[in-house]
């Protein structure tokens, strides 16, 4: 009988052991599941943080790119403005140099005009020589005209204080000759819109009592 009892106790122990092992295995599996879920949550947080940092970095790079682009555009605009200024200065310098050079030639033109003003003496000069001088001066005047140089101041023109200098007034009988140029002492010259020299003239003065 004793042996039967012990045998029965052993059988009971044998039956209980597997249950204990199964419980421990289940607990271990549940613990593993918890750790896996925690790992997934941490990984998701890290991914969100990384994406956020990347977006911030992209914004920073875009801002830097725009800054470099704006700086490049400003530099290009400054260069274009500088080039325009240089070109403008060159044009102004060229005009100034041309103007100064032509002003130095005006006495030569005056000498030619004075020689021609005495028609009687001019006609007595050898014809071939006279024609040669006239041809040269006509070419000379053409060159000046190509540079925008024009002569002004003619008898019969209305007096303009911006263009003429009245050296003397002459009494006239015709009211229509009042303030008109009656005699040209020295021709005036201008280059484009710039006055090189005013014309020196005598102007008419009409008085009703004449």
C-alpha atoms as a PDB file:
ATOM      1  CA  UNK A   1       0.000   0.000   0.000  1.00  0.00           C
ATOM      2  CA  UNK A   2       2.782   2.326   0.836  1.00  0.00           C
ATOM      3  CA  UNK A   3       4.291   1.881  -2.536  1.00  0.00           C
ATOM      4  CA  UNK A   4       1.030   2.643  -4.223  1.00  0.00           C
ATOM      5  CA  UNK A   5       0.730   5.912  -2.278  1.00  0.00           C
ATOM      6  CA  UNK A   6       4.199   7.076  -3.160  1.00  0.00           C
ATOM      7  CA  UNK A   7       3.651   6.161  -6.724  1.00  0.00           C
ATOM      8  CA  UNK A   8       0.515   8.182  -6.783  1.00  0.00           C
ATOM      9  CA  UNK A   9       2.346  11.233  -5.321  1.00  0.00           C
ATOM     10  CA  UNK A  10       5.052  10.948  -7.913  1.00  0.00           C
ATOM     11  CA  UNK A  11       2.508  10.780 -10.647  1.00  0.00           C
ATOM     12  CA  UNK A  12       0.891  13.935  -9.338  1.00  0.00           C
ATOM     13  CA  UNK A  13       4.247  15.739  -9.283  1.00  0.00           C
ATOM     14  CA  UNK A  14       4.929  14.586 -12.799  1.00  0.00           C
ATOM     15  CA  UNK A  15       1.643  16.006 -13.967  1.00  0.00           C
ATOM     16  CA  UNK A  16       2.165  19.392 -12.229  1.00  0.00           C
ATOM     17  CA  UNK A  17       5.636  20.100 -13.617  1.00  0.00           C
ATOM     18  CA  UNK A  18       4.600  20.636 -17.221  1.00  0.00           C
ATOM     19  CA  UNK A  19       1.985  23.158 -16.117  1.00  0.00           C
ATOM     20  CA  UNK A  20       4.625  25.208 -14.308  1.00  0.00           C
ATOM     21  CA  UNK A  21       6.887  25.203 -17.330  1.00  0.00           C
ATOM     22  CA  UNK A  22       4.061  26.264 -19.574  1.00  0.00           C
ATOM     23  CA  UNK A  23       3.217  29.203 -17.272  1.00  0.00           C
ATOM     24  CA  UNK A  24       6.835  30.321 -17.219  1.00  0.00           C
ATOM     25  CA  UNK A  25       7.028  30.120 -21.021  1.00  0.00           C
ATOM     26  CA  UNK A  26       3.887  32.188 -21.403  1.00  0.00           C
ATOM     27  CA  UNK A  27       5.193  34.832 -18.982  1.00  0.00           C
ATOM     28  CA  UNK A  28       8.451  34.967 -20.901  1.00  0.00           C
ATOM     29  CA  UNK A  29       6.637  35.442 -24.206  1.00  0.00           C
ATOM     30  CA  UNK A  30       4.503  38.194 -22.737  1.00  0.00           C
ATOM     31  CA  UNK A  31       7.652  39.936 -21.482  1.00  0.00           C
ATOM     32  CA  UNK A  32       9.218  39.694 -24.925  1.00  0.00           C
ATOM     33  CA  UNK A  33       6.126  41.235 -26.493  1.00  0.00           C
ATOM     34  CA  UNK A  34       6.310  44.201 -24.123  1.00  0.00           C
ATOM     35  CA  UNK A  35       9.973  44.817 -24.923  1.00  0.00           C
ATOM     36  CA  UNK A  36       9.256  44.622 -28.658  1.00  0.00           C
ATOM     37  CA  UNK A  37       6.430  47.140 -28.374  1.00  0.00           C
ATOM     38  CA  UNK A  38       8.641  49.515 -26.373  1.00  0.00           C
ATOM     39  CA  UNK A  39      11.362  49.202 -29.016  1.00  0.00           C
ATOM     40  CA  UNK A  40       8.891  50.022 -31.774  1.00  0.00           C
ATOM     41  CA  UNK A  41       7.695  53.139 -29.940  1.00  0.00           C
ATOM     42  CA  UNK A  42      11.265  54.355 -29.391  1.00  0.00           C
ATOM     43  CA  UNK A  43      12.106  53.726 -33.062  1.00  0.00           C
ATOM     44  CA  UNK A  44       9.075  55.679 -34.180  1.00  0.00           C
ATOM     45  CA  UNK A  45      10.076  58.629 -31.974  1.00  0.00           C
ATOM     46  CA  UNK A  46      13.630  58.560 -33.367  1.00  0.00           C
ATOM     47  CA  UNK A  47      12.304  58.564 -36.941  1.00  0.00           C
ATOM     48  CA  UNK A  48      10.058  61.546 -36.265  1.00  0.00           C
ATOM     49  CA  UNK A  49      12.948  63.429 -34.678  1.00  0.00           C
ATOM     50  CA  UNK A  50      15.186  62.656 -37.643  1.00  0.00           C
ATOM     51  CA  UNK A  51      12.560  63.816 -40.134  1.00  0.00           C
ATOM     52  CA  UNK A  52      12.042  67.018 -38.154  1.00  0.00           C
ATOM     53  CA  UNK A  53      15.773  67.716 -38.143  1.00  0.00           C
ATOM     54  CA  UNK A  54      15.995  67.036 -41.868  1.00  0.00           C
ATOM     55  CA  UNK A  55      13.153  69.439 -42.571  1.00  0.00           C
ATOM     56  CA  UNK A  56      14.835  72.124 -40.477  1.00  0.00           C
ATOM     57  CA  UNK A  57      18.102  71.493 -42.313  1.00  0.00           C
ATOM     58  CA  UNK A  58      16.330  71.797 -45.675  1.00  0.00           C
ATOM     59  CA  UNK A  59      14.803  75.109 -44.612  1.00  0.00           C
ATOM     60  CA  UNK A  60      18.223  76.361 -43.541  1.00  0.00           C
ATOM     61  CA  UNK A  61      19.797  75.301 -46.829  1.00  0.00           C
ATOM     62  CA  UNK A  62      16.988  76.895 -48.824  1.00  0.00           C
ATOM     63  CA  UNK A  63      17.450  80.149 -46.905  1.00  0.00           C
ATOM     64  CA  UNK A  64      21.210  80.052 -47.544  1.00  0.00           C
ATOM     65  CA  UNK A  65      20.608  79.294 -51.221  1.00  0.00           C
ATOM     66  CA  UNK A  66      18.236  82.259 -51.517  1.00  0.00           C
ATOM     67  CA  UNK A  67      20.757  84.489 -49.757  1.00  0.00           C
ATOM     68  CA  UNK A  68      23.522  83.441 -52.165  1.00  0.00           C
ATOM     69  CA  UNK A  69      21.157  83.971 -55.091  1.00  0.00           C
ATOM     70  CA  UNK A  70      20.195  87.452 -53.889  1.00  0.00           C
ATOM     71  CA  UNK A  71      23.843  88.307 -53.364  1.00  0.00           C
ATOM     72  CA  UNK A  72      24.674  87.069 -56.853  1.00  0.00           C
ATOM     73  CA  UNK A  73      21.867  89.165 -58.349  1.00  0.00           C
ATOM     74  CA  UNK A  74      23.019  92.241 -56.428  1.00  0.00           C
ATOM     75  CA  UNK A  75      26.586  91.694 -57.588  1.00  0.00           C
ATOM     76  CA  UNK A  76      25.446  91.343 -61.178  1.00  0.00           C
ATOM     77  CA  UNK A  77      23.296  94.464 -60.909  1.00  0.00           C
ATOM     78  CA  UNK A  78      26.224  96.393 -59.433  1.00  0.00           C
ATOM     79  CA  UNK A  79      28.436  95.228 -62.292  1.00  0.00           C
ATOM     80  CA  UNK A  80      25.863  96.251 -64.905  1.00  0.00           C
ATOM     81  CA  UNK A  81      25.471  99.677 -63.284  1.00  0.00           C
ATOM     82  CA  UNK A  82      29.241 100.066 -63.053  1.00  0.00           C
ATOM     83  CA  UNK A  83      29.641  99.151 -66.719  1.00  0.00           C
ATOM     84  CA  UNK A  84      26.946 101.648 -67.699  1.00  0.00           C
ATOM     85  CA  UNK A  85      28.651 104.325 -65.637  1.00  0.00           C
ATOM     86  CA  UNK A  86      32.012 103.561 -67.255  1.00  0.00           C
ATOM     87  CA  UNK A  87      30.474 103.658 -70.734  1.00  0.00           C
ATOM     88  CA  UNK A  88      28.702 106.924 -69.927  1.00  0.00           C
ATOM     89  CA  UNK A  89      31.904 108.457 -68.606  1.00  0.00           C
ATOM     90  CA  UNK A  90      33.725 107.400 -71.745  1.00  0.00           C
ATOM     91  CA  UNK A  91      31.116 109.071 -73.924  1.00  0.00           C
ATOM     92  CA  UNK A  92      31.253 112.235 -71.814  1.00  0.00           C
ATOM     93  CA  UNK A  93      35.055 112.274 -71.885  1.00  0.00           C
ATOM     94  CA  UNK A  94      35.071 111.786 -75.643  1.00  0.00           C
ATOM     95  CA  UNK A  95      32.573 114.604 -76.150  1.00  0.00           C
ATOM     96  CA  UNK A  96      34.549 116.873 -73.843  1.00  0.00           C
ATOM     97  CA  UNK A  97      37.820 116.098 -75.635  1.00  0.00           C
ATOM     98  CA  UNK A  98      36.183 116.642 -79.028  1.00  0.00           C
ATOM     99  CA  UNK A  99      34.594 119.887 -77.856  1.00  0.00           C
ATOM    100  CA  UNK A 100      37.876 121.219 -76.516  1.00  0.00           C
ATOM    101  CA  UNK A 101      39.697 120.269 -79.718  1.00  0.00           C
ATOM    102  CA  UNK A 102      37.103 121.980 -81.919  1.00  0.00           C
ATOM    103  CA  UNK A 103      37.164 125.109 -79.758  1.00  0.00           C
ATOM    104  CA  UNK A 104      40.882 125.366 -80.520  1.00  0.00           C
ATOM    105  CA  UNK A 105      40.090 125.190 -84.244  1.00  0.00           C
ATOM    106  CA  UNK A 106      37.580 128.046 -84.215  1.00  0.00           C
ATOM    107  CA  UNK A 107      40.241 130.756 -84.742  1.00  0.00           C
ATOM    108  CA  UNK A 108      41.259 128.934 -87.942  1.00  0.00           C
ATOM    109  CA  UNK A 109      37.671 129.139 -89.168  1.00  0.00           C
ATOM    110  CA  UNK A 110      37.561 132.795 -88.191  1.00  0.00           C
ATOM    111  CA  UNK A 111      40.655 133.507 -90.288  1.00  0.00           C
ATOM    112  CA  UNK A 112      39.088 131.822 -93.301  1.00  0.00           C
ATOM    113  CA  UNK A 113      35.822 133.744 -92.832  1.00  0.00           C
ATOM    114  CA  UNK A 114      37.722 137.038 -92.556  1.00  0.00           C
ATOM    115  CA  UNK A 115      39.650 136.289 -95.740  1.00  0.00           C
ATOM    116  CA  UNK A 116      36.438 135.598 -97.625  1.00  0.00           C
ATOM    117  CA  UNK A 117      34.637 138.600 -96.182  1.00  0.00           C
ATOM    118  CA  UNK A 118      36.769 140.931 -98.302  1.00  0.00           C
ATOM    119  CA  UNK A 119      35.390 139.811-101.634  1.00  0.00           C
ATOM    120  CA  UNK A 120      37.468 142.223-103.690  1.00  0.00           C
ATOM    121  CA  UNK A 121      40.764 141.079-102.181  1.00  0.00           C
ATOM    122  CA  UNK A 122      39.715 137.417-102.284  1.00  0.00           C
ATOM    123  CA  UNK A 123      38.894 137.573-105.970  1.00  0.00           C
ATOM    124  CA  UNK A 124      42.336 138.996-106.752  1.00  0.00           C
ATOM    125  CA  UNK A 125      44.051 135.892-105.372  1.00  0.00           C
ATOM    126  CA  UNK A 126      45.252 133.308-107.899  1.00  0.00           C
ATOM    127  CA  UNK A 127      42.217 131.275-108.895  1.00  0.00           C
ATOM    128  CA  UNK A 128      43.853 127.846-108.571  1.00  0.00           C
ATOM    129  CA  UNK A 129      45.177 128.688-105.117  1.00  0.00           C
ATOM    130  CA  UNK A 130      41.813 130.151-104.054  1.00  0.00           C
ATOM    131  CA  UNK A 131      39.921 127.094-105.292  1.00  0.00           C
ATOM    132  CA  UNK A 132      42.333 124.804-103.445  1.00  0.00           C
ATOM    133  CA  UNK A 133      41.827 126.694-100.176  1.00  0.00           C
ATOM    134  CA  UNK A 134      38.064 126.665-100.614  1.00  0.00           C
ATOM    135  CA  UNK A 135      38.085 122.927-101.299  1.00  0.00           C
ATOM    136  CA  UNK A 136      40.175 122.211 -98.203  1.00  0.00           C
ATOM    137  CA  UNK A 137      37.961 124.325 -95.950  1.00  0.00           C
ATOM    138  CA  UNK A 138      34.798 122.785 -97.346  1.00  0.00           C
ATOM    139  CA  UNK A 139      36.173 119.362 -96.448  1.00  0.00           C
ATOM    140  CA  UNK A 140      37.154 120.676 -93.046  1.00  0.00           C
ATOM    141  CA  UNK A 141      33.654 122.000 -92.408  1.00  0.00           C
ATOM    142  CA  UNK A 142      32.156 118.675 -93.521  1.00  0.00           C
ATOM    143  CA  UNK A 143      34.260 116.863 -90.927  1.00  0.00           C
ATOM    144  CA  UNK A 144      33.045 119.267 -88.250  1.00  0.00           C
ATOM    145  CA  UNK A 145      29.434 118.820 -89.325  1.00  0.00           C
ATOM    146  CA  UNK A 146      29.847 115.051 -89.010  1.00  0.00           C
ATOM    147  CA  UNK A 147      30.843 115.677 -85.390  1.00  0.00           C
ATOM    148  CA  UNK A 148      27.670 117.671 -84.860  1.00  0.00           C
ATOM    149  CA  UNK A 149      29.260 121.108 -85.208  1.00  0.00           C
ATOM    150  CA  UNK A 150      26.985 123.749 -86.714  1.00  0.00           C
ATOM    151  CA  UNK A 151      27.587 127.400 -87.490  1.00  0.00           C
ATOM    152  CA  UNK A 152      24.924 129.945 -86.548  1.00  0.00           C
ATOM    153  CA  UNK A 153      24.408 133.694 -86.571  1.00  0.00           C
ATOM    154  CA  UNK A 154      23.125 135.157 -89.837  1.00  0.00           C
ATOM    155  CA  UNK A 155      21.949 138.581 -90.873  1.00  0.00           C
ATOM    156  CA  UNK A 156      18.176 138.725 -90.516  1.00  0.00           C
ATOM    157  CA  UNK A 157      17.973 136.206 -87.635  1.00  0.00           C
ATOM    158  CA  UNK A 158      16.170 137.320 -84.492  1.00  0.00           C
ATOM    159  CA  UNK A 159      18.485 138.152 -81.634  1.00  0.00           C
ATOM    160  CA  UNK A 160      18.713 135.409 -79.004  1.00  0.00           C
ATOM    161  CA  UNK A 161      20.706 136.240 -75.857  1.00  0.00           C
ATOM    162  CA  UNK A 162      21.515 132.537 -75.438  1.00  0.00           C
ATOM    163  CA  UNK A 163      23.095 132.371 -78.893  1.00  0.00           C
ATOM    164  CA  UNK A 164      24.187 135.909 -79.673  1.00  0.00           C
ATOM    165  CA  UNK A 165      26.148 138.669 -78.056  1.00  0.00           C
ATOM    166  CA  UNK A 166      25.137 142.130 -79.210  1.00  0.00           C
ATOM    167  CA  UNK A 167      28.230 144.284 -79.504  1.00  0.00           C
ATOM    168  CA  UNK A 168      26.306 147.307 -80.762  1.00  0.00           C
ATOM    169  CA  UNK A 169      22.767 148.365 -81.668  1.00  0.00           C
ATOM    170  CA  UNK A 170      21.974 150.039 -84.971  1.00  0.00           C
ATOM    171  CA  UNK A 171      18.988 152.318 -85.446  1.00  0.00           C
ATOM    172  CA  UNK A 172      16.679 150.964 -88.133  1.00  0.00           C
ATOM    173  CA  UNK A 173      13.749 152.540 -89.958  1.00  0.00           C
ATOM    174  CA  UNK A 174      11.807 149.318 -90.462  1.00  0.00           C
ATOM    175  CA  UNK A 175       9.999 148.143 -87.340  1.00  0.00           C
ATOM    176  CA  UNK A 176      10.361 144.557 -88.569  1.00  0.00           C
ATOM    177  CA  UNK A 177      14.150 144.836 -88.195  1.00  0.00           C
ATOM    178  CA  UNK A 178      13.907 145.573 -84.501  1.00  0.00           C
ATOM    179  CA  UNK A 179      16.015 143.083 -82.478  1.00  0.00           C
ATOM    180  CA  UNK A 180      17.197 141.421 -85.658  1.00  0.00           C
ATOM    181  CA  UNK A 181      20.836 140.751 -86.513  1.00  0.00           C
ATOM    182  CA  UNK A 182      22.021 143.476 -88.857  1.00  0.00           C
ATOM    183  CA  UNK A 183      25.684 142.486 -89.036  1.00  0.00           C
ATOM    184  CA  UNK A 184      27.740 139.444 -87.997  1.00  0.00           C
ATOM    185  CA  UNK A 185      31.131 140.227 -86.515  1.00  0.00           C
ATOM    186  CA  UNK A 186      32.005 136.659 -85.543  1.00  0.00           C
ATOM    187  CA  UNK A 187      30.118 133.459 -86.312  1.00  0.00           C
ATOM    188  CA  UNK A 188      28.784 131.332 -83.495  1.00  0.00           C
ATOM    189  CA  UNK A 189      29.253 127.566 -83.257  1.00  0.00           C
ATOM    190  CA  UNK A 190      27.544 124.773 -81.382  1.00  0.00           C
ATOM    191  CA  UNK A 191      28.120 121.040 -81.138  1.00  0.00           C
ATOM    192  CA  UNK A 192      24.820 119.212 -80.844  1.00  0.00           C
ATOM    193  CA  UNK A 193      23.078 121.026 -77.963  1.00  0.00           C
ATOM    194  CA  UNK A 194      26.253 122.492 -76.496  1.00  0.00           C
ATOM    195  CA  UNK A 195      27.229 126.053 -77.349  1.00  0.00           C
ATOM    196  CA  UNK A 196      30.900 126.283 -78.299  1.00  0.00           C
ATOM    197  CA  UNK A 197      30.807 130.034 -78.788  1.00  0.00           C
ATOM    198  CA  UNK A 198      28.089 132.657 -79.125  1.00  0.00           C
ATOM    199  CA  UNK A 199      27.912 134.804 -82.253  1.00  0.00           C
ATOM    200  CA  UNK A 200      28.987 138.415 -81.921  1.00  0.00           C
ATOM    201  CA  UNK A 201      26.623 140.673 -83.800  1.00  0.00           C
ATOM    202  CA  UNK A 202      25.106 144.102 -84.298  1.00  0.00           C
ATOM    203  CA  UNK A 203      21.366 144.255 -83.716  1.00  0.00           C
ATOM    204  CA  UNK A 204      18.676 146.569 -85.024  1.00  0.00           C
ATOM    205  CA  UNK A 205      16.888 149.036 -82.800  1.00  0.00           C
ATOM    206  CA  UNK A 206      13.642 150.590 -84.004  1.00  0.00           C
ATOM    207  CA  UNK A 207      12.223 153.741 -82.454  1.00  0.00           C
ATOM    208  CA  UNK A 208       8.876 155.220 -83.468  1.00  0.00           C
ATOM    209  CA  UNK A 209      10.218 158.751 -83.408  1.00  0.00           C
ATOM    210  CA  UNK A 210      12.680 157.955 -86.239  1.00  0.00           C
END
